[in-house]
N, C-alpha and C. Protein backbone atom coordinates (compact mmCIF):
# COMPACT_ATOMS: atom_id res chain seq x y z
N MET A 1 15.89 112.60 50.70
CA MET A 1 16.47 113.72 51.83
C MET A 1 17.42 114.86 51.23
N LYS A 2 17.02 116.02 51.49
CA LYS A 2 17.59 116.88 50.96
C LYS A 2 19.10 117.28 50.88
N GLU A 3 19.92 117.40 50.50
CA GLU A 3 21.40 117.67 50.86
C GLU A 3 21.45 119.70 50.87
N ALA A 4 22.21 119.07 52.54
CA ALA A 4 22.60 120.45 52.99
C ALA A 4 23.53 121.74 52.06
N THR A 5 23.53 122.67 51.73
CA THR A 5 23.48 123.72 51.33
C THR A 5 24.99 123.50 51.63
N LYS A 6 26.01 123.89 50.82
CA LYS A 6 27.62 123.90 50.88
C LYS A 6 27.90 125.72 51.14
N GLU A 7 28.91 125.65 52.19
CA GLU A 7 29.33 126.98 52.57
C GLU A 7 30.11 127.58 51.26
N ASN A 8 30.44 128.55 51.00
CA ASN A 8 31.15 129.23 50.24
C ASN A 8 31.95 129.86 51.07
N ILE A 9 33.44 129.59 50.36
CA ILE A 9 35.02 130.25 51.13
C ILE A 9 35.70 131.05 50.06
N SER A 10 36.13 132.10 49.87
CA SER A 10 36.77 132.21 49.60
C SER A 10 38.66 131.72 49.41
N VAL A 11 38.98 131.64 47.63
CA VAL A 11 39.95 130.84 47.80
C VAL A 11 41.13 131.83 48.33
N ARG A 12 41.45 132.95 48.90
CA ARG A 12 41.65 134.01 48.74
C ARG A 12 41.37 135.36 49.54
N GLU A 13 41.07 135.88 50.80
CA GLU A 13 40.55 136.60 50.97
C GLU A 13 41.01 138.21 50.52
N GLY A 14 40.00 138.99 50.23
CA GLY A 14 40.62 140.50 49.75
C GLY A 14 41.06 140.34 47.84
N LEU A 15 40.58 139.06 47.36
CA LEU A 15 41.22 138.92 45.97
C LEU A 15 39.93 139.58 44.85
N PHE A 16 38.62 139.44 45.37
CA PHE A 16 37.82 139.97 44.34
C PHE A 16 36.60 140.23 44.93
N VAL A 17 35.91 141.15 44.68
CA VAL A 17 34.71 141.54 45.24
C VAL A 17 33.25 141.29 44.27
N GLN A 18 32.37 140.83 44.85
CA GLN A 18 31.27 140.43 43.66
C GLN A 18 29.79 141.17 44.26
N GLU A 19 29.47 142.10 43.28
CA GLU A 19 28.28 143.03 43.13
C GLU A 19 26.97 141.98 43.38
N ALA A 20 26.14 143.10 43.00
CA ALA A 20 25.08 142.37 42.01
C ALA A 20 24.99 142.53 40.47
N ASP A 21 25.48 143.18 40.35
CA ASP A 21 25.53 143.26 38.74
C ASP A 21 27.21 143.01 37.35
N LYS A 22 27.83 143.23 38.67
CA LYS A 22 29.71 143.08 38.53
C LYS A 22 30.67 142.45 38.99
N ALA A 23 31.56 141.78 38.96
CA ALA A 23 32.39 141.60 39.85
C ALA A 23 33.58 142.28 39.67
N TYR A 24 34.59 142.09 40.12
CA TYR A 24 36.07 142.74 39.59
C TYR A 24 37.10 142.38 40.90
N LEU A 25 38.07 142.13 40.58
CA LEU A 25 39.52 142.14 41.49
C LEU A 25 40.04 142.96 41.80
N ILE A 26 40.31 142.68 43.09
CA ILE A 26 41.21 144.03 44.00
C ILE A 26 42.70 144.06 43.70
N GLY A 27 42.91 145.23 43.22
CA GLY A 27 44.31 145.01 43.00
C GLY A 27 45.10 146.43 43.71
N ASN A 28 46.11 146.86 43.27
CA ASN A 28 46.37 148.30 43.50
C ASN A 28 46.92 149.02 42.37
N GLN A 29 47.54 150.51 42.40
CA GLN A 29 47.89 151.08 41.76
C GLN A 29 49.05 152.36 43.18
N CYS A 30 50.30 152.31 41.95
CA CYS A 30 51.36 152.93 42.94
C CYS A 30 51.03 154.57 42.70
N GLU A 31 51.11 154.79 43.98
CA GLU A 31 50.84 156.38 43.91
C GLU A 31 51.63 157.19 43.17
N GLY A 32 53.40 156.57 43.34
CA GLY A 32 54.03 157.37 42.87
C GLY A 32 54.33 157.59 40.93
N CYS A 33 54.26 155.87 40.89
CA CYS A 33 54.57 156.20 39.13
C CYS A 33 53.55 155.67 38.14
N GLY A 34 52.19 155.19 39.18
CA GLY A 34 51.18 154.54 38.36
C GLY A 34 50.80 153.12 38.16
N GLN A 35 51.94 152.43 38.62
CA GLN A 35 51.96 150.88 37.86
C GLN A 35 50.89 150.04 38.51
N VAL A 36 49.98 149.49 37.98
CA VAL A 36 48.56 148.73 38.42
C VAL A 36 49.32 147.09 38.85
N PHE A 37 48.66 146.67 39.62
CA PHE A 37 49.57 144.96 40.38
C PHE A 37 48.16 144.40 40.65
N PHE A 38 48.03 143.31 40.08
CA PHE A 38 47.45 142.13 40.56
C PHE A 38 47.98 141.09 40.89
N PRO A 39 47.71 140.09 42.01
CA PRO A 39 47.34 140.74 43.10
C PRO A 39 47.89 142.06 43.96
N SER A 40 47.48 142.68 44.81
CA SER A 40 47.93 143.51 44.95
C SER A 40 49.25 143.44 46.11
N ARG A 41 50.25 144.34 45.93
CA ARG A 41 51.74 144.15 46.46
C ARG A 41 52.06 145.19 47.65
N VAL A 42 52.77 145.04 48.45
CA VAL A 42 52.94 145.72 49.54
C VAL A 42 53.40 146.92 49.42
N PHE A 43 54.46 147.10 48.01
CA PHE A 43 55.56 148.04 47.38
C PHE A 43 55.19 147.51 45.87
N CYS A 44 55.52 148.61 45.20
CA CYS A 44 56.02 148.72 43.51
C CYS A 44 57.05 148.33 43.40
N PHE A 45 57.19 146.90 42.70
CA PHE A 45 57.85 146.71 41.59
C PHE A 45 58.86 147.44 40.85
N HIS A 46 58.22 148.82 40.45
CA HIS A 46 58.40 149.52 39.63
C HIS A 46 59.33 150.47 39.98
N CYS A 47 59.05 151.12 40.89
CA CYS A 47 59.78 152.48 41.57
C CYS A 47 60.20 152.15 43.40
N SER A 48 59.55 150.85 43.75
CA SER A 48 59.95 150.57 45.18
C SER A 48 59.31 151.43 45.73
N SER A 49 58.32 152.55 45.78
CA SER A 49 57.17 152.80 46.12
C SER A 49 56.10 152.39 47.37
N GLN A 50 56.15 152.78 48.62
CA GLN A 50 55.11 151.62 49.26
C GLN A 50 54.05 152.50 49.29
N LYS A 51 53.81 153.66 48.64
CA LYS A 51 52.37 154.34 48.89
C LYS A 51 51.18 153.38 47.76
N MET A 52 50.86 153.05 47.78
CA MET A 52 50.25 151.68 46.84
C MET A 52 48.60 151.98 47.52
N GLU A 53 47.95 152.16 46.61
CA GLU A 53 46.08 152.35 46.47
C GLU A 53 45.19 151.52 46.24
N PRO A 54 44.77 150.72 47.04
CA PRO A 54 44.00 149.44 46.64
C PRO A 54 42.82 150.08 45.10
N ILE A 55 42.76 149.53 44.07
CA ILE A 55 41.71 149.92 42.77
C ILE A 55 41.06 148.12 42.42
N ARG A 56 39.68 148.87 41.75
CA ARG A 56 39.10 147.42 41.50
C ARG A 56 39.77 147.15 39.96
N VAL A 57 40.19 146.22 39.55
CA VAL A 57 40.43 145.77 38.35
C VAL A 57 39.76 144.85 37.33
N GLY A 58 39.84 144.34 36.50
CA GLY A 58 39.79 142.80 35.95
C GLY A 58 38.34 142.19 35.51
N ASN A 59 37.42 143.30 35.46
CA ASN A 59 36.06 143.19 34.93
C ASN A 59 36.13 142.43 33.35
N ARG A 60 36.86 142.99 32.40
CA ARG A 60 37.07 143.07 31.55
C ARG A 60 38.35 143.00 30.58
N GLY A 61 38.80 141.74 29.62
CA GLY A 61 40.23 141.99 29.20
C GLY A 61 40.14 141.08 27.95
N LYS A 62 41.27 140.57 27.08
CA LYS A 62 41.27 140.51 25.91
C LYS A 62 42.16 138.74 26.15
N LEU A 63 42.01 137.70 25.53
CA LEU A 63 42.68 136.48 25.57
C LEU A 63 44.19 136.38 24.93
N TYR A 64 45.01 136.74 26.06
CA TYR A 64 46.22 136.30 25.39
C TYR A 64 46.88 135.26 24.86
N SER A 65 46.38 134.26 25.62
CA SER A 65 47.47 133.02 25.06
C SER A 65 46.54 132.20 26.02
N PHE A 66 46.28 130.41 25.58
CA PHE A 66 45.34 129.59 26.72
C PHE A 66 46.02 128.24 26.34
N THR A 67 45.68 127.20 26.96
CA THR A 67 45.86 126.01 26.81
C THR A 67 44.61 125.00 27.27
N THR A 68 44.68 123.94 26.87
CA THR A 68 43.35 123.01 27.70
C THR A 68 44.24 121.94 28.33
N SER A 69 44.85 121.99 29.68
CA SER A 69 45.26 120.41 30.11
C SER A 69 44.33 119.30 30.01
N HIS A 70 45.31 118.43 29.75
CA HIS A 70 44.57 116.46 29.65
C HIS A 70 45.27 116.01 30.88
N MET A 71 45.53 116.47 31.89
CA MET A 71 46.18 115.92 32.94
C MET A 71 45.45 116.41 33.85
N PRO A 72 45.47 115.49 34.93
CA PRO A 72 44.77 115.83 36.49
C PRO A 72 45.59 117.05 37.60
N SER A 73 45.15 117.48 37.60
CA SER A 73 45.74 118.75 38.95
C SER A 73 45.02 118.29 40.66
N THR A 74 45.91 118.99 41.62
CA THR A 74 45.29 118.93 42.64
C THR A 74 43.82 119.13 42.83
N HIS A 75 43.40 119.92 41.93
CA HIS A 75 41.51 120.55 41.88
C HIS A 75 41.01 120.29 40.94
N PHE A 76 41.24 120.48 39.64
CA PHE A 76 40.80 120.23 38.80
C PHE A 76 40.82 119.15 37.74
N GLN A 77 40.05 118.46 37.39
CA GLN A 77 39.77 116.96 36.42
C GLN A 77 39.69 117.60 34.94
N PRO A 78 40.68 116.67 34.29
CA PRO A 78 40.77 117.13 32.86
C PRO A 78 39.75 117.02 32.08
N PRO A 79 39.54 117.96 31.05
CA PRO A 79 40.06 118.46 30.57
C PRO A 79 39.46 119.97 31.23
N TYR A 80 40.48 121.23 31.60
CA TYR A 80 40.27 122.21 31.51
C TYR A 80 41.45 123.04 30.89
N THR A 81 40.71 124.49 31.23
CA THR A 81 41.64 125.09 30.22
C THR A 81 42.14 126.81 31.61
N VAL A 82 43.50 126.93 31.03
CA VAL A 82 43.75 128.42 31.44
C VAL A 82 44.62 128.91 30.61
N GLY A 83 44.41 130.30 31.13
CA GLY A 83 45.25 131.31 30.16
C GLY A 83 45.93 132.63 30.52
N TRP A 84 46.29 133.53 29.93
CA TRP A 84 46.64 134.84 30.20
C TRP A 84 45.55 135.27 29.98
N ILE A 85 45.03 136.46 30.42
CA ILE A 85 44.34 137.63 30.10
C ILE A 85 45.11 139.29 29.92
N ASP A 86 44.68 139.76 29.21
CA ASP A 86 45.41 141.23 29.36
C ASP A 86 44.01 141.91 29.81
N LEU A 87 44.58 142.89 31.05
CA LEU A 87 42.88 143.61 31.05
C LEU A 87 43.32 144.59 30.75
N MET A 88 41.89 145.76 30.77
CA MET A 88 41.90 147.05 30.20
C MET A 88 42.78 148.03 31.08
N GLU A 89 43.59 147.51 32.67
CA GLU A 89 43.95 148.11 33.34
C GLU A 89 45.61 148.13 32.93
N GLY A 90 45.91 147.61 31.98
CA GLY A 90 47.04 147.12 31.45
C GLY A 90 48.05 146.40 32.09
N ILE A 91 47.83 145.29 32.73
CA ILE A 91 48.30 144.25 33.14
C ILE A 91 47.84 142.70 32.60
N ARG A 92 48.76 141.69 32.82
CA ARG A 92 48.70 140.37 32.23
C ARG A 92 48.41 139.35 33.73
N ILE A 93 47.03 138.91 33.97
CA ILE A 93 46.76 138.22 34.64
C ILE A 93 46.81 136.59 34.34
N PHE A 94 46.81 135.35 34.68
CA PHE A 94 46.64 134.08 34.72
C PHE A 94 45.42 133.67 35.05
N SER A 95 44.48 132.84 34.63
CA SER A 95 43.11 132.69 35.06
C SER A 95 42.82 131.17 34.53
N ARG A 96 41.48 130.87 35.11
CA ARG A 96 41.09 129.73 34.89
C ARG A 96 40.19 130.11 33.70
N ILE A 97 39.21 129.15 32.73
CA ILE A 97 38.85 130.23 31.47
C ILE A 97 37.82 128.83 31.27
N GLU A 98 36.43 129.61 31.19
CA GLU A 98 35.47 128.45 31.20
C GLU A 98 34.90 129.06 29.93
N LYS A 99 34.70 127.83 28.53
CA LYS A 99 34.87 128.04 27.95
C LYS A 99 33.25 127.59 27.61
N ILE A 100 32.70 128.40 26.56
CA ILE A 100 31.33 128.71 26.08
C ILE A 100 30.70 127.43 25.09
N GLU A 101 29.64 126.48 25.38
CA GLU A 101 29.67 125.47 24.39
C GLU A 101 29.53 126.14 23.20
N GLY A 102 29.97 125.70 21.88
CA GLY A 102 29.54 126.08 20.69
C GLY A 102 30.39 126.80 20.17
N GLN A 103 31.06 127.68 21.36
CA GLN A 103 32.18 129.14 21.01
C GLN A 103 33.63 128.50 20.93
N GLU A 104 34.66 128.33 19.81
CA GLU A 104 36.40 128.19 20.33
C GLU A 104 36.64 129.76 20.40
N LEU A 105 37.50 129.13 21.28
CA LEU A 105 38.52 130.43 21.98
C LEU A 105 39.78 130.90 21.17
N GLN A 106 39.62 132.31 20.85
CA GLN A 106 40.68 132.65 19.65
C GLN A 106 41.39 133.65 20.56
N ILE A 107 42.86 133.62 20.33
CA ILE A 107 43.32 134.92 20.91
C ILE A 107 42.92 136.28 20.33
N GLY A 108 43.08 137.19 21.19
CA GLY A 108 42.56 138.33 20.94
C GLY A 108 41.21 138.48 20.96
N MET A 109 40.34 137.62 21.76
CA MET A 109 39.08 137.61 21.80
C MET A 109 38.79 138.45 23.05
N GLU A 110 37.43 139.08 23.83
CA GLU A 110 36.88 139.82 24.78
C GLU A 110 36.28 138.65 25.49
N MET A 111 37.11 138.98 26.88
CA MET A 111 36.72 138.56 27.95
C MET A 111 36.13 138.95 29.02
N GLU A 112 35.50 138.16 30.20
CA GLU A 112 34.63 138.72 31.20
C GLU A 112 34.84 138.05 32.51
N LEU A 113 35.39 138.40 33.41
CA LEU A 113 35.69 137.98 34.84
C LEU A 113 33.81 137.58 35.56
N VAL A 114 34.19 136.49 35.93
CA VAL A 114 32.97 135.75 36.94
C VAL A 114 33.70 135.05 37.71
N ILE A 115 32.84 135.39 39.07
CA ILE A 115 33.10 134.90 40.30
C ILE A 115 32.40 133.31 40.12
N ASP A 116 33.11 132.45 40.61
CA ASP A 116 31.94 130.77 40.37
C ASP A 116 33.02 130.04 41.32
N GLU A 117 32.28 128.94 41.61
CA GLU A 117 33.26 127.71 42.15
C GLU A 117 34.02 127.19 41.17
N LEU A 118 35.39 126.93 41.83
CA LEU A 118 36.62 126.24 41.27
C LEU A 118 36.64 124.54 42.01
N TRP A 119 36.56 124.14 42.98
CA TRP A 119 36.38 123.07 43.38
C TRP A 119 35.81 123.19 45.08
N GLN A 120 35.42 122.01 45.36
CA GLN A 120 35.11 121.40 46.50
C GLN A 120 35.74 120.70 47.36
N GLU A 121 35.33 121.24 48.56
CA GLU A 121 36.29 120.82 49.81
C GLU A 121 35.34 120.57 50.85
N ALA A 122 34.92 119.20 51.14
CA ALA A 122 34.34 118.50 52.16
C ALA A 122 32.95 119.33 51.83
N SER A 123 32.49 120.01 53.06
CA SER A 123 31.02 120.70 52.95
C SER A 123 31.02 121.98 52.24
N LYS A 124 32.51 122.68 51.77
CA LYS A 124 32.66 123.89 51.42
C LYS A 124 32.87 123.97 49.92
N ARG A 125 32.16 125.04 49.14
CA ARG A 125 32.50 125.41 48.12
C ARG A 125 33.71 126.69 47.81
N VAL A 126 34.70 125.92 46.90
CA VAL A 126 35.66 127.55 47.15
C VAL A 126 35.28 127.98 45.73
N VAL A 127 35.54 129.47 45.92
CA VAL A 127 34.71 130.37 45.45
C VAL A 127 36.13 131.31 44.80
N GLY A 128 36.27 131.23 43.94
CA GLY A 128 37.69 132.71 43.06
C GLY A 128 37.02 132.69 41.35
N TYR A 129 37.90 133.54 40.88
CA TYR A 129 37.82 133.92 39.69
C TYR A 129 38.01 133.22 38.48
N LYS A 130 37.49 133.28 37.25
CA LYS A 130 38.15 132.33 35.96
C LYS A 130 37.13 133.79 34.92
N TYR A 131 37.79 133.68 34.30
CA TYR A 131 36.90 134.43 32.65
C TYR A 131 36.37 133.26 31.67
N HIS A 132 35.53 133.83 30.92
CA HIS A 132 34.77 133.16 29.95
C HIS A 132 34.43 134.61 28.63
N PRO A 133 34.41 133.70 27.37
CA PRO A 133 34.31 134.66 26.04
C PRO A 133 32.80 135.46 26.33
N ILE A 134 32.84 136.93 26.06
CA ILE A 134 32.18 137.60 26.38
C ILE A 134 31.41 137.04 25.16
N VAL A 135 29.74 136.91 25.10
CA VAL A 135 28.74 136.27 23.87
C VAL A 135 28.16 137.36 23.40
N TRP A 136 28.08 137.95 22.31
CA TRP A 136 27.62 138.57 21.61
C TRP A 136 26.35 138.51 21.11
N PRO A 137 25.27 138.85 21.24
CA PRO A 137 23.78 138.45 20.54
C PRO A 137 23.99 138.02 19.14
N ALA A 138 23.03 137.11 18.67
CA ALA A 138 22.91 136.97 16.87
C ALA A 138 23.27 138.26 16.35
N GLY A 139 23.54 138.25 15.18
CA GLY A 139 23.79 139.52 14.49
C GLY A 139 24.79 140.72 14.93
N HIS A 140 24.95 140.64 15.74
CA HIS A 140 26.03 141.59 16.08
C HIS A 140 27.00 142.41 15.82
């Protein structure tokens, strides 16, 4: 008997957008001072302006720090890796990190955003963002 297709639900609405060829996180930028935020904020933590413009962020960054947990959490079975990613837009965000087999993680390596299943709840796939190393072709 064929298993029923699981419904995808977002870990949080308005957090990301998935297009055919790229994924983006949805943040915002203060119209007053230019500060960028993710996730989006109602007002600027830097200058207190409430004029915030939605922007796309986060499809690429560099690995700032990471750790691999060997203890289970509510949704993740060990081992799983999490870390901080410095985005090209000048902000640092916390994320799950998906390792690529045969490639060691290194501070400063380039990372790319992927939208994928984070965990399952009953008949639903909870989908969110994570990062993985950008794999360069051999000889690059």
